[in-house]
N, C-alpha and C. Protein backbone atom coordinates (compact mmCIF):
# COMPACT_ATOMS: atom_id res chain seq x y z
N UNK A 1 -14.58 -28.71 -17.77
CA UNK A 1 -13.29 -28.70 -18.45
C UNK A 1 -13.45 -29.27 -19.85
N UNK A 2 -12.55 -28.91 -20.67
CA UNK A 2 -12.56 -29.34 -22.06
C UNK A 2 -11.88 -30.69 -22.23
N UNK A 3 -12.28 -31.41 -23.24
CA UNK A 3 -11.57 -32.64 -23.56
C UNK A 3 -10.48 -32.40 -24.60
N UNK A 4 -10.16 -31.12 -24.82
CA UNK A 4 -9.08 -30.74 -25.73
C UNK A 4 -7.78 -31.38 -25.23
N UNK A 5 -6.98 -31.90 -26.15
CA UNK A 5 -5.74 -32.59 -25.80
C UNK A 5 -4.64 -31.56 -25.51
N UNK A 6 -3.91 -31.78 -24.41
CA UNK A 6 -2.77 -30.94 -24.05
C UNK A 6 -1.53 -31.83 -23.95
N UNK A 7 -0.38 -31.20 -24.17
CA UNK A 7 0.87 -31.93 -24.09
C UNK A 7 1.57 -31.58 -22.79
N UNK A 8 1.88 -32.57 -21.99
CA UNK A 8 2.59 -32.38 -20.73
C UNK A 8 4.07 -32.15 -21.00
N UNK A 9 4.80 -31.68 -19.99
CA UNK A 9 6.25 -31.50 -20.12
C UNK A 9 6.96 -32.80 -20.49
N UNK A 10 6.39 -33.91 -20.05
CA UNK A 10 6.98 -35.21 -20.35
C UNK A 10 6.77 -35.61 -21.81
N UNK A 11 5.92 -34.88 -22.52
CA UNK A 11 5.61 -35.22 -23.90
C UNK A 11 4.32 -36.02 -24.02
N UNK A 12 3.83 -36.51 -22.89
CA UNK A 12 2.57 -37.28 -22.90
C UNK A 12 1.42 -36.36 -23.27
N UNK A 13 0.47 -36.88 -24.03
CA UNK A 13 -0.71 -36.11 -24.43
C UNK A 13 -1.92 -36.68 -23.71
N UNK A 14 -2.67 -35.79 -23.03
CA UNK A 14 -3.86 -36.22 -22.30
C UNK A 14 -4.96 -35.18 -22.51
N UNK A 15 -6.23 -35.58 -22.31
CA UNK A 15 -7.31 -34.60 -22.38
C UNK A 15 -7.18 -33.60 -21.22
N UNK A 16 -7.43 -32.34 -21.50
CA UNK A 16 -7.34 -31.29 -20.48
C UNK A 16 -8.20 -31.64 -19.26
N UNK A 17 -9.36 -32.24 -19.50
CA UNK A 17 -10.25 -32.58 -18.39
C UNK A 17 -9.66 -33.62 -17.45
N UNK A 18 -8.62 -34.33 -17.88
CA UNK A 18 -7.98 -35.33 -17.02
C UNK A 18 -6.69 -34.81 -16.39
N UNK A 19 -6.34 -33.56 -16.62
CA UNK A 19 -5.09 -33.01 -16.12
C UNK A 19 -5.01 -33.07 -14.60
N UNK A 20 -6.07 -32.68 -13.92
CA UNK A 20 -6.09 -32.70 -12.46
C UNK A 20 -6.86 -33.94 -12.00
N UNK A 21 -6.14 -34.91 -11.55
CA UNK A 21 -6.77 -36.14 -11.08
C UNK A 21 -7.24 -36.01 -9.65
N UNK A 22 -7.86 -37.04 -9.11
CA UNK A 22 -8.35 -37.01 -7.74
C UNK A 22 -7.24 -36.66 -6.75
N UNK A 23 -7.52 -35.71 -5.87
CA UNK A 23 -6.58 -35.33 -4.82
C UNK A 23 -5.56 -34.29 -5.24
N UNK A 24 -5.55 -33.87 -6.50
CA UNK A 24 -4.55 -32.90 -6.95
C UNK A 24 -5.08 -31.47 -6.94
N UNK A 25 -6.36 -31.31 -6.75
CA UNK A 25 -6.93 -29.97 -6.74
C UNK A 25 -7.91 -29.89 -5.57
N UNK A 26 -7.60 -29.04 -4.63
CA UNK A 26 -8.48 -28.92 -3.48
C UNK A 26 -8.02 -27.79 -2.59
N UNK A 27 -8.68 -27.65 -1.48
CA UNK A 27 -8.31 -26.62 -0.52
C UNK A 27 -8.24 -27.25 0.86
N UNK A 28 -7.52 -26.58 1.73
CA UNK A 28 -7.39 -27.09 3.09
C UNK A 28 -8.72 -26.97 3.84
N UNK A 29 -9.38 -25.82 3.69
CA UNK A 29 -10.59 -25.57 4.48
C UNK A 29 -11.86 -25.49 3.63
N UNK A 30 -11.75 -25.53 2.32
CA UNK A 30 -12.91 -25.35 1.45
C UNK A 30 -13.95 -26.44 1.64
N UNK A 31 -15.17 -26.03 1.88
CA UNK A 31 -16.28 -26.96 1.96
C UNK A 31 -16.36 -27.78 3.23
N UNK A 32 -15.50 -27.51 4.21
CA UNK A 32 -15.57 -28.27 5.46
C UNK A 32 -16.81 -27.84 6.22
N UNK A 33 -17.26 -28.66 7.16
CA UNK A 33 -18.45 -28.26 7.94
C UNK A 33 -18.27 -26.92 8.66
N UNK A 34 -17.07 -26.67 9.18
CA UNK A 34 -16.84 -25.39 9.88
C UNK A 34 -16.95 -24.21 8.92
N UNK A 35 -16.29 -24.29 7.78
CA UNK A 35 -16.33 -23.20 6.80
C UNK A 35 -17.74 -23.02 6.26
N UNK A 36 -18.41 -24.12 5.98
CA UNK A 36 -19.78 -24.04 5.46
C UNK A 36 -20.72 -23.41 6.49
N UNK A 37 -20.55 -23.73 7.76
CA UNK A 37 -21.36 -23.13 8.82
C UNK A 37 -21.11 -21.63 8.90
N UNK A 38 -19.84 -21.23 8.81
CA UNK A 38 -19.50 -19.81 8.82
C UNK A 38 -20.09 -19.08 7.63
N UNK A 39 -20.00 -19.69 6.45
CA UNK A 39 -20.57 -19.08 5.24
C UNK A 39 -22.08 -18.93 5.35
N UNK A 40 -22.73 -19.95 5.87
CA UNK A 40 -24.19 -19.87 6.06
C UNK A 40 -24.56 -18.76 7.03
N UNK A 41 -23.77 -18.58 8.08
CA UNK A 41 -24.04 -17.52 9.05
C UNK A 41 -23.89 -16.14 8.41
N UNK A 42 -22.86 -15.97 7.60
CA UNK A 42 -22.67 -14.70 6.89
C UNK A 42 -23.88 -14.42 6.00
N UNK A 43 -24.33 -15.42 5.27
CA UNK A 43 -25.50 -15.22 4.40
C UNK A 43 -26.74 -14.90 5.22
N UNK A 44 -26.89 -15.52 6.38
CA UNK A 44 -28.04 -15.22 7.26
C UNK A 44 -28.01 -13.78 7.74
N UNK A 45 -26.84 -13.30 8.14
CA UNK A 45 -26.72 -11.91 8.60
C UNK A 45 -27.04 -10.95 7.46
N UNK A 46 -26.52 -11.23 6.27
CA UNK A 46 -26.81 -10.37 5.11
C UNK A 46 -28.32 -10.31 4.87
N UNK A 47 -28.97 -11.45 4.97
CA UNK A 47 -30.43 -11.50 4.75
C UNK A 47 -31.19 -10.84 5.90
N UNK A 48 -30.85 -11.23 7.15
CA UNK A 48 -31.58 -10.73 8.32
C UNK A 48 -31.46 -9.21 8.47
N UNK A 49 -30.31 -8.66 8.14
CA UNK A 49 -30.10 -7.22 8.32
C UNK A 49 -30.44 -6.40 7.08
N UNK A 50 -31.01 -7.06 6.07
CA UNK A 50 -31.46 -6.35 4.89
C UNK A 50 -30.34 -5.68 4.10
N UNK A 51 -29.15 -6.29 4.11
CA UNK A 51 -28.01 -5.66 3.46
C UNK A 51 -28.13 -5.60 1.94
N UNK A 52 -28.81 -6.56 1.34
CA UNK A 52 -28.97 -6.51 -0.12
C UNK A 52 -29.86 -5.35 -0.53
N UNK A 53 -30.94 -5.15 0.21
CA UNK A 53 -31.82 -4.02 -0.06
C UNK A 53 -31.09 -2.71 0.20
N UNK A 54 -30.30 -2.67 1.27
CA UNK A 54 -29.50 -1.49 1.57
C UNK A 54 -28.54 -1.19 0.42
N UNK A 55 -27.90 -2.23 -0.11
CA UNK A 55 -26.97 -2.05 -1.24
C UNK A 55 -27.70 -1.52 -2.46
N UNK A 56 -28.88 -2.03 -2.72
CA UNK A 56 -29.65 -1.57 -3.89
C UNK A 56 -30.02 -0.11 -3.74
N UNK A 57 -30.58 0.25 -2.59
CA UNK A 57 -31.06 1.62 -2.37
C UNK A 57 -29.89 2.61 -2.29
N UNK A 58 -28.90 2.29 -1.46
CA UNK A 58 -27.81 3.24 -1.27
C UNK A 58 -26.84 3.26 -2.44
N UNK A 59 -26.78 2.18 -3.21
CA UNK A 59 -25.99 2.21 -4.43
C UNK A 59 -26.56 3.21 -5.42
N UNK A 60 -27.88 3.19 -5.58
CA UNK A 60 -28.53 4.17 -6.47
C UNK A 60 -28.35 5.58 -5.93
N UNK A 61 -28.44 5.72 -4.62
CA UNK A 61 -28.23 7.04 -4.00
C UNK A 61 -26.80 7.53 -4.25
N UNK A 62 -25.82 6.65 -4.09
CA UNK A 62 -24.42 7.02 -4.29
C UNK A 62 -24.18 7.48 -5.73
N UNK A 63 -24.70 6.75 -6.69
CA UNK A 63 -24.54 7.15 -8.10
C UNK A 63 -25.14 8.53 -8.31
N UNK A 64 -26.33 8.75 -7.78
CA UNK A 64 -27.00 10.05 -7.94
C UNK A 64 -26.20 11.17 -7.27
N UNK A 65 -25.69 10.92 -6.08
CA UNK A 65 -24.94 11.94 -5.35
C UNK A 65 -23.64 12.30 -6.08
N UNK A 66 -22.95 11.29 -6.59
CA UNK A 66 -21.71 11.56 -7.32
C UNK A 66 -22.02 12.36 -8.59
N UNK A 67 -23.11 12.00 -9.26
CA UNK A 67 -23.49 12.75 -10.47
C UNK A 67 -23.83 14.20 -10.14
N UNK A 68 -24.46 14.43 -8.99
CA UNK A 68 -24.82 15.81 -8.63
C UNK A 68 -23.60 16.66 -8.28
N UNK A 69 -22.44 16.02 -8.05
CA UNK A 69 -21.23 16.81 -7.85
C UNK A 69 -20.92 17.63 -9.10
N UNK A 70 -21.38 17.11 -10.24
CA UNK A 70 -21.21 17.79 -11.53
C UNK A 70 -19.75 18.20 -11.74
N UNK A 71 -18.86 17.28 -11.40
CA UNK A 71 -17.43 17.56 -11.51
C UNK A 71 -16.98 17.53 -12.96
N UNK A 72 -16.20 18.51 -13.37
CA UNK A 72 -15.69 18.50 -14.73
C UNK A 72 -14.66 17.39 -14.96
N UNK A 73 -14.23 16.73 -13.88
CA UNK A 73 -13.23 15.67 -13.98
C UNK A 73 -13.86 14.29 -14.18
N UNK A 74 -15.16 14.17 -13.96
CA UNK A 74 -15.84 12.87 -14.07
C UNK A 74 -16.57 12.77 -15.40
N UNK A 75 -16.21 11.75 -16.16
CA UNK A 75 -16.87 11.49 -17.44
C UNK A 75 -18.16 10.69 -17.22
N UNK A 76 -18.07 9.66 -16.35
CA UNK A 76 -19.20 8.75 -16.18
C UNK A 76 -19.20 8.18 -14.77
N UNK A 77 -20.40 7.92 -14.25
CA UNK A 77 -20.56 7.24 -12.96
C UNK A 77 -21.38 6.00 -13.24
N UNK A 78 -20.95 4.88 -12.70
CA UNK A 78 -21.69 3.63 -12.93
C UNK A 78 -21.68 2.78 -11.66
N UNK A 79 -22.62 1.87 -11.59
CA UNK A 79 -22.65 0.99 -10.43
C UNK A 79 -23.74 -0.04 -10.50
N UNK A 80 -23.52 -1.11 -9.77
CA UNK A 80 -24.52 -2.15 -9.53
C UNK A 80 -24.51 -2.36 -8.03
N UNK A 81 -25.61 -2.01 -7.39
CA UNK A 81 -25.63 -2.06 -5.94
C UNK A 81 -24.56 -1.13 -5.41
N UNK A 82 -23.72 -1.63 -4.51
CA UNK A 82 -22.65 -0.82 -3.96
C UNK A 82 -21.30 -1.07 -4.63
N UNK A 83 -21.31 -1.71 -5.78
CA UNK A 83 -20.10 -1.81 -6.59
C UNK A 83 -20.13 -0.61 -7.53
N UNK A 84 -19.40 0.42 -7.15
CA UNK A 84 -19.49 1.70 -7.83
C UNK A 84 -18.16 2.07 -8.47
N UNK A 85 -18.23 2.89 -9.50
CA UNK A 85 -17.02 3.42 -10.11
C UNK A 85 -17.36 4.73 -10.79
N UNK A 86 -16.35 5.58 -10.86
CA UNK A 86 -16.48 6.77 -11.70
C UNK A 86 -15.27 6.81 -12.61
N UNK A 87 -15.52 7.23 -13.84
CA UNK A 87 -14.46 7.30 -14.83
C UNK A 87 -14.06 8.75 -15.02
N UNK A 88 -12.77 8.98 -15.01
CA UNK A 88 -12.24 10.33 -15.21
C UNK A 88 -12.27 10.68 -16.69
N UNK A 89 -12.26 11.96 -16.97
CA UNK A 89 -12.31 12.42 -18.36
C UNK A 89 -11.07 11.94 -19.12
N UNK A 90 -11.22 11.70 -20.42
CA UNK A 90 -10.10 11.17 -21.21
C UNK A 90 -8.86 12.08 -21.24
N UNK A 91 -9.06 13.40 -21.21
CA UNK A 91 -7.91 14.32 -21.30
C UNK A 91 -7.43 14.79 -19.93
N UNK A 92 -7.64 13.99 -18.90
CA UNK A 92 -7.22 14.33 -17.54
C UNK A 92 -5.72 14.65 -17.51
N UNK A 93 -4.91 13.82 -18.17
CA UNK A 93 -3.46 14.01 -18.15
C UNK A 93 -3.09 15.36 -18.77
N UNK A 94 -3.73 15.72 -19.85
CA UNK A 94 -3.44 17.00 -20.51
C UNK A 94 -3.81 18.19 -19.63
N UNK A 95 -4.84 18.00 -18.81
CA UNK A 95 -5.34 19.12 -17.99
C UNK A 95 -4.74 19.16 -16.58
N UNK A 96 -4.16 18.05 -16.14
CA UNK A 96 -3.55 17.99 -14.80
C UNK A 96 -2.11 17.50 -14.98
N UNK A 97 -1.15 18.42 -14.99
CA UNK A 97 0.25 18.05 -15.25
C UNK A 97 0.79 16.96 -14.33
N UNK A 98 0.36 16.92 -13.08
CA UNK A 98 0.86 15.90 -12.14
C UNK A 98 0.49 14.50 -12.60
N UNK A 99 -0.56 14.37 -13.41
CA UNK A 99 -0.99 13.06 -13.88
C UNK A 99 -0.05 12.49 -14.93
N UNK A 100 0.89 13.28 -15.41
CA UNK A 100 1.86 12.77 -16.39
C UNK A 100 2.84 11.80 -15.73
N UNK A 101 3.03 11.93 -14.41
CA UNK A 101 3.97 11.07 -13.69
C UNK A 101 3.31 9.80 -13.16
N UNK A 102 2.01 9.83 -12.98
CA UNK A 102 1.25 8.67 -12.49
C UNK A 102 -0.04 8.61 -13.28
N UNK A 103 -0.68 7.46 -13.29
CA UNK A 103 -1.96 7.38 -14.01
C UNK A 103 -2.98 8.25 -13.29
N UNK A 104 -3.93 8.82 -14.02
CA UNK A 104 -4.94 9.66 -13.39
C UNK A 104 -5.67 8.97 -12.24
N UNK A 105 -6.01 7.71 -12.42
CA UNK A 105 -6.74 7.02 -11.35
C UNK A 105 -5.89 6.91 -10.08
N UNK A 106 -4.60 6.63 -10.21
CA UNK A 106 -3.73 6.55 -9.03
C UNK A 106 -3.57 7.91 -8.36
N UNK A 107 -3.46 8.95 -9.16
CA UNK A 107 -3.34 10.29 -8.61
C UNK A 107 -4.58 10.64 -7.78
N UNK A 108 -5.75 10.35 -8.31
CA UNK A 108 -7.01 10.65 -7.60
C UNK A 108 -7.15 9.75 -6.38
N UNK A 109 -6.84 8.47 -6.51
CA UNK A 109 -6.95 7.54 -5.37
C UNK A 109 -6.03 7.99 -4.23
N UNK A 110 -4.80 8.37 -4.56
CA UNK A 110 -3.89 8.84 -3.51
C UNK A 110 -4.45 10.06 -2.79
N UNK A 111 -5.00 11.00 -3.54
CA UNK A 111 -5.57 12.21 -2.94
C UNK A 111 -6.78 11.86 -2.07
N UNK A 112 -7.60 10.92 -2.53
CA UNK A 112 -8.77 10.51 -1.75
C UNK A 112 -8.33 9.80 -0.47
N UNK A 113 -7.31 8.96 -0.56
CA UNK A 113 -6.80 8.28 0.64
C UNK A 113 -6.30 9.30 1.66
N UNK A 114 -5.57 10.29 1.20
CA UNK A 114 -5.09 11.34 2.11
C UNK A 114 -6.24 12.07 2.78
N UNK A 115 -7.37 12.17 2.08
CA UNK A 115 -8.54 12.85 2.63
C UNK A 115 -9.40 11.93 3.49
N UNK A 116 -9.05 10.64 3.55
CA UNK A 116 -9.77 9.72 4.42
C UNK A 116 -10.79 8.84 3.73
N UNK A 117 -10.79 8.79 2.41
CA UNK A 117 -11.75 7.96 1.68
C UNK A 117 -11.01 6.83 0.97
N UNK A 118 -11.31 5.59 1.36
CA UNK A 118 -10.66 4.43 0.77
C UNK A 118 -11.36 4.02 -0.51
N UNK A 119 -10.57 3.73 -1.52
CA UNK A 119 -11.06 3.28 -2.82
C UNK A 119 -9.88 2.68 -3.56
N UNK A 120 -10.12 2.16 -4.75
CA UNK A 120 -9.05 1.54 -5.53
C UNK A 120 -9.13 1.98 -6.98
N UNK A 121 -7.96 2.07 -7.64
CA UNK A 121 -7.98 2.41 -9.06
C UNK A 121 -8.44 1.22 -9.88
N UNK A 122 -8.95 1.51 -11.04
CA UNK A 122 -9.34 0.47 -11.99
C UNK A 122 -8.90 0.94 -13.36
N UNK A 123 -7.80 0.42 -13.80
CA UNK A 123 -7.24 0.90 -15.05
C UNK A 123 -6.66 2.29 -14.86
N UNK A 124 -6.46 2.99 -15.95
CA UNK A 124 -5.81 4.29 -15.87
C UNK A 124 -6.74 5.44 -15.54
N UNK A 125 -8.05 5.29 -15.82
CA UNK A 125 -8.96 6.43 -15.68
C UNK A 125 -10.20 6.17 -14.82
N UNK A 126 -10.29 5.03 -14.19
CA UNK A 126 -11.48 4.75 -13.37
C UNK A 126 -11.08 4.52 -11.92
N UNK A 127 -11.98 4.91 -11.03
CA UNK A 127 -11.79 4.72 -9.59
C UNK A 127 -12.99 3.94 -9.08
N UNK A 128 -12.70 2.83 -8.40
CA UNK A 128 -13.76 2.02 -7.81
C UNK A 128 -14.00 2.47 -6.39
N UNK A 129 -15.26 2.50 -6.04
CA UNK A 129 -15.69 2.91 -4.71
C UNK A 129 -16.57 1.77 -4.21
N UNK A 130 -16.12 1.03 -3.21
CA UNK A 130 -16.80 -0.19 -2.78
C UNK A 130 -17.13 -0.13 -1.28
N UNK A 131 -18.15 0.63 -0.91
CA UNK A 131 -18.51 0.69 0.51
C UNK A 131 -19.08 -0.64 0.99
N UNK A 132 -19.06 -0.86 2.30
CA UNK A 132 -19.60 -2.12 2.84
C UNK A 132 -21.12 -2.20 2.65
N UNK A 133 -21.63 -3.42 2.70
CA UNK A 133 -23.07 -3.62 2.50
C UNK A 133 -23.93 -2.95 3.57
N UNK A 134 -23.35 -2.64 4.72
CA UNK A 134 -24.12 -2.01 5.80
C UNK A 134 -23.85 -0.51 5.90
N UNK A 135 -23.33 0.09 4.83
CA UNK A 135 -23.05 1.52 4.84
C UNK A 135 -24.35 2.31 5.07
N UNK A 136 -24.23 3.47 5.69
CA UNK A 136 -25.41 4.31 5.93
C UNK A 136 -25.48 5.43 4.90
N UNK A 137 -26.65 6.03 4.79
CA UNK A 137 -26.86 7.16 3.88
C UNK A 137 -25.92 8.31 4.26
N UNK A 138 -25.75 8.56 5.55
CA UNK A 138 -24.87 9.64 6.01
C UNK A 138 -23.43 9.37 5.60
N UNK A 139 -23.01 8.11 5.64
CA UNK A 139 -21.64 7.77 5.23
C UNK A 139 -21.45 7.96 3.73
N UNK A 140 -22.46 7.61 2.95
CA UNK A 140 -22.40 7.84 1.50
C UNK A 140 -22.28 9.34 1.23
N UNK A 141 -23.11 10.12 1.91
CA UNK A 141 -23.08 11.57 1.71
C UNK A 141 -21.73 12.17 2.12
N UNK A 142 -21.16 11.68 3.23
CA UNK A 142 -19.85 12.16 3.67
C UNK A 142 -18.77 11.80 2.65
N UNK A 143 -18.82 10.57 2.13
CA UNK A 143 -17.84 10.14 1.13
C UNK A 143 -17.95 10.98 -0.13
N UNK A 144 -19.17 11.28 -0.55
CA UNK A 144 -19.36 12.11 -1.74
C UNK A 144 -18.83 13.52 -1.50
N UNK A 145 -19.00 14.03 -0.29
CA UNK A 145 -18.47 15.36 0.04
C UNK A 145 -16.95 15.36 -0.04
N UNK A 146 -16.33 14.30 0.48
CA UNK A 146 -14.87 14.17 0.41
C UNK A 146 -14.44 14.10 -1.07
N UNK A 147 -15.13 13.29 -1.84
CA UNK A 147 -14.82 13.16 -3.26
C UNK A 147 -14.92 14.51 -3.96
N UNK A 148 -16.00 15.22 -3.70
CA UNK A 148 -16.18 16.53 -4.32
C UNK A 148 -15.09 17.51 -3.95
N UNK A 149 -14.70 17.53 -2.69
CA UNK A 149 -13.66 18.48 -2.27
C UNK A 149 -12.30 18.11 -2.84
N UNK A 150 -12.01 16.82 -2.94
CA UNK A 150 -10.72 16.40 -3.52
C UNK A 150 -10.68 16.72 -5.00
N UNK A 151 -11.75 16.42 -5.72
CA UNK A 151 -11.76 16.71 -7.17
C UNK A 151 -11.68 18.21 -7.42
N UNK A 152 -12.26 19.01 -6.54
CA UNK A 152 -12.23 20.48 -6.71
C UNK A 152 -10.79 21.01 -6.63
N UNK A 153 -9.91 20.29 -5.93
CA UNK A 153 -8.52 20.73 -5.82
C UNK A 153 -7.74 20.57 -7.11
N UNK A 154 -8.22 19.69 -8.00
CA UNK A 154 -7.53 19.50 -9.27
C UNK A 154 -7.85 20.66 -10.20
């Protein structure tokens, strides 16, 4: 925290680093032995089951598969591990009249949800695709097929 001075509602001036005194900032379960044991177990499972390696390999596969769709609606595909996103073309709204009523990303996300693929919008033109760390190659391929068929409808 900074030692920059802030003014409280009372008019008192104190360093920002002293704003939260002992006992004023905490959590009910944060850092308890039970929570820490659970967190350690999660990390052990991620390590034991090779989920980080799976994320690295299948994340690269997912980016490649989405790129091979060669969709005229996708401007860019990006990702780190299984944190993936594709960005829609800038003139999506001009080319898809329905996008004038909703942002392009919401329009695409809704269509993907109806087709059975869960994802979330990111801004007006990007869609995030965040599969679980234990996703399989077949599931990535199926998701890409769903994505391709939904985008083809536009």
